[in-house]
C-alpha atoms as a PDB file:
ATOM      1  CA  MET A   1      -3.268  16.919  49.783  1.00  0.00           C
ATOM      2  CA  ALA A   2      -5.009  14.673  47.250  1.00  0.00           C
ATOM      3  CA  LYS A   3      -5.565  10.985  47.706  1.00  0.00           C
ATOM      4  CA  GLY A   4      -4.210   8.783  44.961  1.00  0.00           C
ATOM      5  CA  ARG A   5      -2.749   9.781  41.669  1.00  0.00           C
ATOM      6  CA  LEU A   6      -4.388  11.989  39.075  1.00  0.00           C
ATOM      7  CA  LEU A   7      -5.908   9.840  36.360  1.00  0.00           C
ATOM      8  CA  GLU A   8      -4.572  10.703  32.911  1.00  0.00           C
ATOM      9  CA  PHE A   9      -6.494   9.773  29.787  1.00  0.00           C
ATOM     10  CA  GLY A  10      -3.943  10.268  27.031  1.00  0.00           C
ATOM     11  CA  TRP A  11      -5.992  13.236  25.791  1.00  0.00           C
ATOM     12  CA  ALA A  12      -3.323  15.908  25.987  1.00  0.00           C
ATOM     13  CA  GLU A  13      -5.554  18.965  26.431  1.00  0.00           C
ATOM     14  CA  MET A  14      -7.822  17.396  29.045  1.00  0.00           C
ATOM     15  CA  ASP A  15      -4.875  15.953  30.971  1.00  0.00           C
ATOM     16  CA  ARG A  16      -3.106  19.345  30.880  1.00  0.00           C
ATOM     17  CA  GLN A  17      -6.160  21.197  32.177  1.00  0.00           C
ATOM     18  CA  HIS A  18      -6.790  18.667  34.948  1.00  0.00           C
ATOM     19  CA  LYS A  19      -3.167  18.945  36.119  1.00  0.00           C
ATOM     20  CA  LEU A  20      -3.418  22.744  36.193  1.00  0.00           C
ATOM     21  CA  LEU A  21      -6.640  22.743  38.206  1.00  0.00           C
ATOM     22  CA  VAL A  22      -5.491  20.145  40.725  1.00  0.00           C
ATOM     23  CA  GLY A  23      -2.133  21.914  40.986  1.00  0.00           C
ATOM     24  CA  ALA A  24      -3.786  25.304  41.554  1.00  0.00           C
ATOM     25  CA  ILE A  25      -5.897  23.989  44.445  1.00  0.00           C
ATOM     26  CA  ASP A  26      -2.854  22.217  45.952  1.00  0.00           C
ATOM     27  CA  PHE A  27      -0.749  25.393  45.608  1.00  0.00           C
ATOM     28  CA  LEU A  28      -3.386  27.474  47.349  1.00  0.00           C
ATOM     29  CA  GLY A  29      -3.617  24.848  50.082  1.00  0.00           C
ATOM     30  CA  ARG A  30       0.108  25.077  50.787  1.00  0.00           C
ATOM     31  CA  SER A  31       0.132  28.881  50.920  1.00  0.00           C
ATOM     32  CA  PRO A  32       0.011  30.825  54.156  1.00  0.00           C
ATOM     33  CA  ARG A  33      -3.603  31.732  55.029  1.00  0.00           C
ATOM     34  CA  GLN A  34      -4.215  35.405  54.314  1.00  0.00           C
ATOM     35  CA  ARG A  35      -7.716  36.410  53.347  1.00  0.00           C
ATOM     36  CA  THR A  36      -6.668  38.958  50.731  1.00  0.00           C
ATOM     37  CA  SER A  37      -4.263  36.646  48.886  1.00  0.00           C
ATOM     38  CA  ASP A  38      -6.589  33.643  49.337  1.00  0.00           C
ATOM     39  CA  LEU A  39      -9.382  35.634  47.728  1.00  0.00           C
ATOM     40  CA  VAL A  40      -7.274  36.644  44.725  1.00  0.00           C
ATOM     41  CA  GLU A  41      -6.112  33.061  44.181  1.00  0.00           C
ATOM     42  CA  LEU A  42      -9.580  31.613  44.733  1.00  0.00           C
ATOM     43  CA  ARG A  43     -11.051  33.981  42.131  1.00  0.00           C
ATOM     44  CA  ARG A  44      -8.299  33.040  39.661  1.00  0.00           C
ATOM     45  CA  ILE A  45      -8.885  29.335  40.265  1.00  0.00           C
ATOM     46  CA  LEU A  46     -12.649  29.813  39.940  1.00  0.00           C
ATOM     47  CA  GLN A  47     -12.112  31.413  36.520  1.00  0.00           C
ATOM     48  CA  GLU A  48      -9.830  28.546  35.444  1.00  0.00           C
ATOM     49  CA  ILE A  49     -12.417  26.025  36.588  1.00  0.00           C
ATOM     50  CA  LYS A  50     -15.198  27.822  34.672  1.00  0.00           C
ATOM     51  CA  GLU A  51     -13.063  27.876  31.530  1.00  0.00           C
ATOM     52  CA  HIS A  52     -12.234  24.174  31.908  1.00  0.00           C
ATOM     53  CA  PHE A  53     -15.880  23.235  32.455  1.00  0.00           C
ATOM     54  CA  ASP A  54     -16.912  25.283  29.393  1.00  0.00           C
ATOM     55  CA  TRP A  55     -14.235  23.573  27.280  1.00  0.00           C
ATOM     56  CA  GLU A  56     -15.186  20.122  28.530  1.00  0.00           C
ATOM     57  CA  GLU A  57     -18.911  20.695  27.977  1.00  0.00           C
ATOM     58  CA  THR A  58     -18.219  21.959  24.446  1.00  0.00           C
ATOM     59  CA  GLN A  59     -16.257  18.766  23.729  1.00  0.00           C
ATOM     60  CA  MET A  60     -19.198  16.721  25.007  1.00  0.00           C
ATOM     61  CA  LEU A  61     -21.654  18.664  22.886  1.00  0.00           C
ATOM     62  CA  LEU A  62     -19.513  18.189  19.785  1.00  0.00           C
ATOM     63  CA  ALA A  63     -19.242  14.447  20.493  1.00  0.00           C
ATOM     64  CA  GLY A  64     -22.986  14.101  21.043  1.00  0.00           C
ATOM     65  CA  TYR A  65     -22.441  12.818  24.581  1.00  0.00           C
ATOM     66  CA  PRO A  66     -25.834  11.731  25.952  1.00  0.00           C
ATOM     67  CA  GLU A  67     -24.805  12.267  29.600  1.00  0.00           C
ATOM     68  CA  LEU A  68     -23.950  15.958  29.060  1.00  0.00           C
ATOM     69  CA  GLY A  69     -26.833  17.178  31.256  1.00  0.00           C
ATOM     70  CA  ARG A  70     -25.809  15.044  34.234  1.00  0.00           C
ATOM     71  CA  HIS A  71     -22.148  16.023  33.810  1.00  0.00           C
ATOM     72  CA  LYS A  72     -23.029  19.695  33.466  1.00  0.00           C
ATOM     73  CA  ALA A  73     -25.138  19.502  36.660  1.00  0.00           C
ATOM     74  CA  ASP A  74     -22.140  18.145  38.596  1.00  0.00           C
ATOM     75  CA  HIS A  75     -20.001  21.014  37.268  1.00  0.00           C
ATOM     76  CA  HIS A  76     -22.709  23.508  38.195  1.00  0.00           C
ATOM     77  CA  ARG A  77     -22.984  22.248  41.801  1.00  0.00           C
ATOM     78  CA  GLN A  78     -19.232  22.542  42.279  1.00  0.00           C
ATOM     79  CA  LEU A  79     -19.137  26.049  40.809  1.00  0.00           C
ATOM     80  CA  LEU A  80     -21.980  27.169  43.088  1.00  0.00           C
ATOM     81  CA  ASN A  81     -20.143  25.765  46.121  1.00  0.00           C
ATOM     82  CA  LEU A  82     -16.946  27.589  45.176  1.00  0.00           C
ATOM     83  CA  GLN A  83     -18.753  30.838  44.352  1.00  0.00           C
ATOM     84  CA  ASP A  84     -20.574  30.735  47.698  1.00  0.00           C
ATOM     85  CA  LEU A  85     -17.300  30.116  49.503  1.00  0.00           C
ATOM     86  CA  CYS A  86     -15.593  32.936  47.592  1.00  0.00           C
ATOM     87  CA  LYS A  87     -18.382  35.300  48.672  1.00  0.00           C
ATOM     88  CA  LEU A  88     -18.025  34.244  52.322  1.00  0.00           C
ATOM     89  CA  VAL A  89     -14.239  34.724  52.200  1.00  0.00           C
ATOM     90  CA  ASP A  90     -14.728  38.129  50.555  1.00  0.00           C
ATOM     91  CA  GLU A  91     -17.140  39.194  53.305  1.00  0.00           C
ATOM     92  CA  GLY A  92     -14.733  37.977  55.989  1.00  0.00           C
ATOM     93  CA  HIS A  93     -17.117  35.300  57.285  1.00  0.00           C
ATOM     94  CA  GLU A  94     -15.021  32.315  56.242  1.00  0.00           C
ATOM     95  CA  THR A  95     -11.404  31.315  55.836  1.00  0.00           C
ATOM     96  CA  LEU A  96      -9.970  28.594  53.660  1.00  0.00           C
ATOM     97  CA  ASP A  97      -9.139  25.654  55.864  1.00  0.00           C
ATOM     98  CA  ALA A  98      -8.018  22.039  55.580  1.00  0.00           C
ATOM     99  CA  ASP A  99     -11.631  20.897  55.166  1.00  0.00           C
ATOM    100  CA  PHE A 100     -12.063  23.132  52.124  1.00  0.00           C
ATOM    101  CA  PHE A 101      -8.929  21.794  50.451  1.00  0.00           C
ATOM    102  CA  ALA A 102      -9.824  18.194  51.267  1.00  0.00           C
ATOM    103  CA  ALA A 103     -13.327  18.674  49.838  1.00  0.00           C
ATOM    104  CA  CYS A 104     -11.983  20.293  46.640  1.00  0.00           C
ATOM    105  CA  SER A 105      -9.413  17.592  46.181  1.00  0.00           C
ATOM    106  CA  GLU A 106     -11.936  14.809  46.788  1.00  0.00           C
ATOM    107  CA  TRP A 107     -14.415  16.368  44.352  1.00  0.00           C
ATOM    108  CA  ASN A 108     -11.730  16.763  41.656  1.00  0.00           C
ATOM    109  CA  PHE A 109     -10.532  13.186  41.949  1.00  0.00           C
ATOM    110  CA  ARG A 110     -14.045  11.730  42.129  1.00  0.00           C
ATOM    111  CA  HIS A 111     -15.241  13.750  39.166  1.00  0.00           C
ATOM    112  CA  ILE A 112     -12.196  12.975  37.012  1.00  0.00           C
ATOM    113  CA  ARG A 113     -12.122   9.257  37.852  1.00  0.00           C
ATOM    114  CA  SER A 114     -15.838   8.746  37.310  1.00  0.00           C
ATOM    115  CA  MET A 115     -17.593  11.342  35.184  1.00  0.00           C
ATOM    116  CA  ASP A 116     -14.677  12.483  33.029  1.00  0.00           C
ATOM    117  CA  ALA A 117     -13.500   8.894  32.575  1.00  0.00           C
ATOM    118  CA  ASP A 118     -16.995   7.975  31.400  1.00  0.00           C
ATOM    119  CA  PHE A 119     -16.932  10.736  28.790  1.00  0.00           C
ATOM    120  CA  VAL A 120     -13.458   9.797  27.575  1.00  0.00           C
ATOM    121  CA  LEU A 121     -14.601   6.176  27.180  1.00  0.00           C
ATOM    122  CA  PHE A 122     -17.597   7.411  25.151  1.00  0.00           C
ATOM    123  CA  ARG A 123     -15.316   9.528  22.985  1.00  0.00           C
ATOM    124  CA  ASP A 124     -12.634   6.873  22.462  1.00  0.00           C
ATOM    125  CA  ASP A 125     -14.548   3.568  22.451  1.00  0.00           C
ATOM    126  CA  ARG A 126     -18.268   3.895  21.893  1.00  0.00           C
ATOM    127  CA  GLU A 127     -18.810   0.133  21.883  1.00  0.00           C
ATOM    128  CA  ALA A 128     -17.203  -0.281  25.321  1.00  0.00           C
ATOM    129  CA  TRP A 129     -19.191   2.707  26.610  1.00  0.00           C
ATOM    130  CA  ASP A 130     -22.459   1.164  25.362  1.00  0.00           C
ATOM    131  CA  LEU A 131     -21.588  -2.142  27.038  1.00  0.00           C
ATOM    132  CA  GLN A 132     -20.735  -0.396  30.310  1.00  0.00           C
ATOM    133  CA  ARG A 133     -24.038   1.484  30.199  1.00  0.00           C
ATOM    134  CA  GLU A 134     -25.958  -1.732  29.573  1.00  0.00           C
ATOM    135  CA  LEU A 135     -24.228  -3.451  32.508  1.00  0.00           C
ATOM    136  CA  ARG A 136     -25.114  -0.542  34.802  1.00  0.00           C
ATOM    137  CA  SER A 137     -28.731  -0.852  33.718  1.00  0.00           C
ATOM    138  CA  TRP A 138     -28.762  -4.562  34.529  1.00  0.00           C
ATOM    139  CA  GLU A 139     -27.186  -3.926  37.945  1.00  0.00           C
ATOM    140  CA  TYR A 140     -29.847  -1.320  38.661  1.00  0.00           C
ATOM    141  CA  GLU A 141     -32.644  -3.726  37.659  1.00  0.00           C
ATOM    142  CA  ILE A 142     -31.175  -6.466  39.855  1.00  0.00           C
ATOM    143  CA  ARG A 143     -31.034  -4.100  42.850  1.00  0.00           C
ATOM    144  CA  LEU A 144     -34.653  -3.066  42.269  1.00  0.00           C
ATOM    145  CA  ALA A 145     -35.743  -6.695  42.097  1.00  0.00           C
ATOM    146  CA  GLU A 146     -33.929  -7.480  45.357  1.00  0.00           C
ATOM    147  CA  HIS A 147     -35.552  -4.531  47.158  1.00  0.00           C
ATOM    148  CA  PRO A 148     -39.043  -4.058  45.694  1.00  0.00           C
ATOM    149  CA  ASP A 149     -40.156  -1.663  48.481  1.00  0.00           C
END
């Protein structure tokens, strides 16, 4: 289902939670499609995702992570998408299909490899995180200079 391998950070709790969430989506994707069982599983997964996002955001708050707002917004968009889908499945207007599972998988891997990795770098090596942030700023300034319109 998912492309690539799940990135592990060596942070036992985060790695454990990521494996559970990715595994839950993959499990649901391999199950026979039945609206009633899909709905039960989707609601369970939605609750697990909410709990993971809350835990992760608390860790960021405790660490003083300056990108918490941006990270939280990405979480929020994904939750809204899943809640909307859950409502449509509940009302019988939508079924879970290959596109849904591909989109969930892609979002998980993108988010973990980029946004979560950025936070873990901040948490584990502030100097490297600061350098990475500075390099991104320079790249942005170069792109603006190349395209002033």
